[in-house]
Amino acid sequence: MLEPFKAYVKRRMEEGCLNVVVLFDEIKEQGYAGKTTMLRYFMSPLRPTVISQATERYVTPPGKQAQVVWGLFKTKWNNTYKRLYAFVMVLGYSRMLYVGLLKMSGSIH
């Protein structure tokens, strides 16, 4: 049932389309009468294997590095909206987290 569509599916996978649902919809429009299970089974050994992790942990010696973020938020405070600033720091070695909050006077709209 899938045989007439295998070359098309392989070509689309080489182009980078690895989504079974997308390819199923495409070959269904071309006359494929099977189900996604058969397509998924065919595509499985053709998928590229993951060689590296999606993220890699960046490790530094103690006291060497930290990441800092400064953010502004709007929050309702005593029935008025106020600016709330947050300082966030994560140490590179221990991953210890520090969060400091500061509320500014005056209301915002």
Protein backbone atom coordinates (compact mmCIF):
# COMPACT_ATOMS: atom_id res chain seq x y z
CA MET A 1 0.00 0.00 0.00
CA LEU A 2 2.86 2.38 0.83
CA GLU A 3 5.20 1.17 -1.93
CA PRO A 4 4.21 3.78 -4.58
CA PHE A 5 4.90 6.59 -2.08
CA LYS A 6 8.21 5.43 -0.57
CA ALA A 7 10.42 7.38 -2.98
CA TYR A 8 8.45 10.56 -2.31
CA VAL A 9 8.65 10.08 1.47
CA LYS A 10 12.42 9.43 1.31
CA ARG A 11 12.95 12.55 -0.79
CA ARG A 12 10.89 14.70 1.61
CA MET A 13 12.83 13.30 4.58
CA GLU A 14 16.11 14.19 2.86
CA GLU A 15 14.73 17.73 2.46
CA GLY A 16 14.27 17.84 6.24
CA CYS A 17 10.60 16.98 6.70
CA LEU A 18 10.55 14.35 9.46
CA ASN A 19 7.00 14.94 10.69
CA VAL A 20 4.83 11.86 10.08
CA VAL A 21 1.58 13.83 10.17
CA VAL A 22 2.76 16.31 7.53
CA LEU A 23 4.00 13.55 5.22
CA PHE A 24 0.84 11.53 5.81
CA ASP A 25 -1.29 14.49 4.71
CA GLU A 26 0.88 14.99 1.62
CA ILE A 27 0.73 11.40 0.41
CA LYS A 28 -2.94 11.09 1.33
CA GLU A 29 -3.62 13.89 -1.18
CA GLN A 30 -1.70 11.80 -3.74
CA GLY A 31 -3.95 8.78 -3.13
CA TYR A 32 -2.42 6.94 -0.15
CA ALA A 33 -5.17 4.92 1.54
CA GLY A 34 -3.18 3.53 4.49
CA LYS A 35 -2.76 4.78 8.03
CA THR A 36 -0.06 6.73 9.83
CA THR A 37 1.15 3.59 11.63
CA MET A 38 2.48 2.06 8.42
CA LEU A 39 4.15 5.34 7.43
CA ARG A 40 5.68 5.76 10.89
CA TYR A 41 7.06 2.21 10.75
CA PHE A 42 8.62 2.91 7.34
CA MET A 43 10.13 6.24 8.41
CA SER A 44 11.57 5.03 11.72
CA PRO A 45 14.84 3.45 10.45
CA LEU A 46 15.34 6.34 8.00
CA ARG A 47 15.35 9.03 10.69
CA PRO A 48 18.74 10.51 11.52
CA THR A 49 20.09 9.52 14.92
CA VAL A 50 20.75 12.24 17.47
CA ILE A 51 24.50 12.61 17.86
CA SER A 52 24.64 15.34 20.49
CA GLN A 53 22.40 16.55 23.27
CA ALA A 54 20.03 19.44 22.61
CA THR A 55 21.78 21.47 25.31
CA GLU A 56 25.20 21.16 26.82
CA ARG A 57 25.95 22.26 30.34
CA TYR A 58 28.54 25.01 30.56
CA VAL A 59 30.70 24.26 33.62
CA THR A 60 33.19 26.69 35.16
CA PRO A 61 35.38 26.56 38.27
CA PRO A 62 33.90 27.93 41.52
CA GLY A 63 33.76 31.73 41.60
CA LYS A 64 34.63 32.08 37.91
CA GLN A 65 31.30 32.83 36.22
CA ALA A 66 27.66 33.78 36.84
CA GLN A 67 24.71 34.62 34.61
CA VAL A 68 22.63 37.67 35.41
CA VAL A 69 19.22 38.82 34.21
CA TRP A 70 17.47 42.09 35.05
CA GLY A 71 13.74 42.19 34.32
CA LEU A 72 10.83 44.59 34.58
CA PHE A 73 7.34 43.37 35.41
CA LYS A 74 3.98 45.04 35.87
CA THR A 75 1.93 43.79 38.81
CA LYS A 76 -1.23 44.79 40.62
CA TRP A 77 -0.29 46.11 44.06
CA ASN A 78 -2.95 47.59 46.40
CA ASN A 79 -5.42 48.00 43.51
CA THR A 80 -2.93 49.90 41.32
CA TYR A 81 -0.37 48.62 38.87
CA LYS A 82 3.25 49.01 39.94
CA ARG A 83 6.62 48.39 38.36
CA LEU A 84 8.45 45.45 39.86
CA TYR A 85 12.09 44.89 39.01
CA ALA A 86 13.78 41.53 39.44
CA PHE A 87 17.49 40.81 39.60
CA VAL A 88 18.30 37.14 39.03
CA MET A 89 21.79 35.63 39.25
CA VAL A 90 22.80 31.98 38.77
CA LEU A 91 26.31 30.87 39.72
CA GLY A 92 28.00 28.85 36.99
CA TYR A 93 29.55 26.15 39.17
CA SER A 94 26.98 25.43 41.89
CA ARG A 95 23.87 26.65 40.02
CA MET A 96 22.87 28.52 43.18
CA LEU A 97 20.12 31.01 42.42
CA TYR A 98 19.64 34.48 43.87
CA VAL A 99 16.52 36.57 43.19
CA GLY A 100 16.16 40.16 44.37
CA LEU A 101 12.94 42.15 43.91
CA LEU A 102 12.52 45.91 43.98
CA LYS A 103 9.20 47.75 43.89
CA MET A 104 9.33 51.25 42.46
CA SER A 105 7.04 53.93 43.82
CA GLY A 106 4.28 55.39 41.66
CA SER A 107 1.65 53.67 39.62
CA ILE A 108 1.76 52.78 35.94
CA HIS A 109 -0.98 52.35 33.42
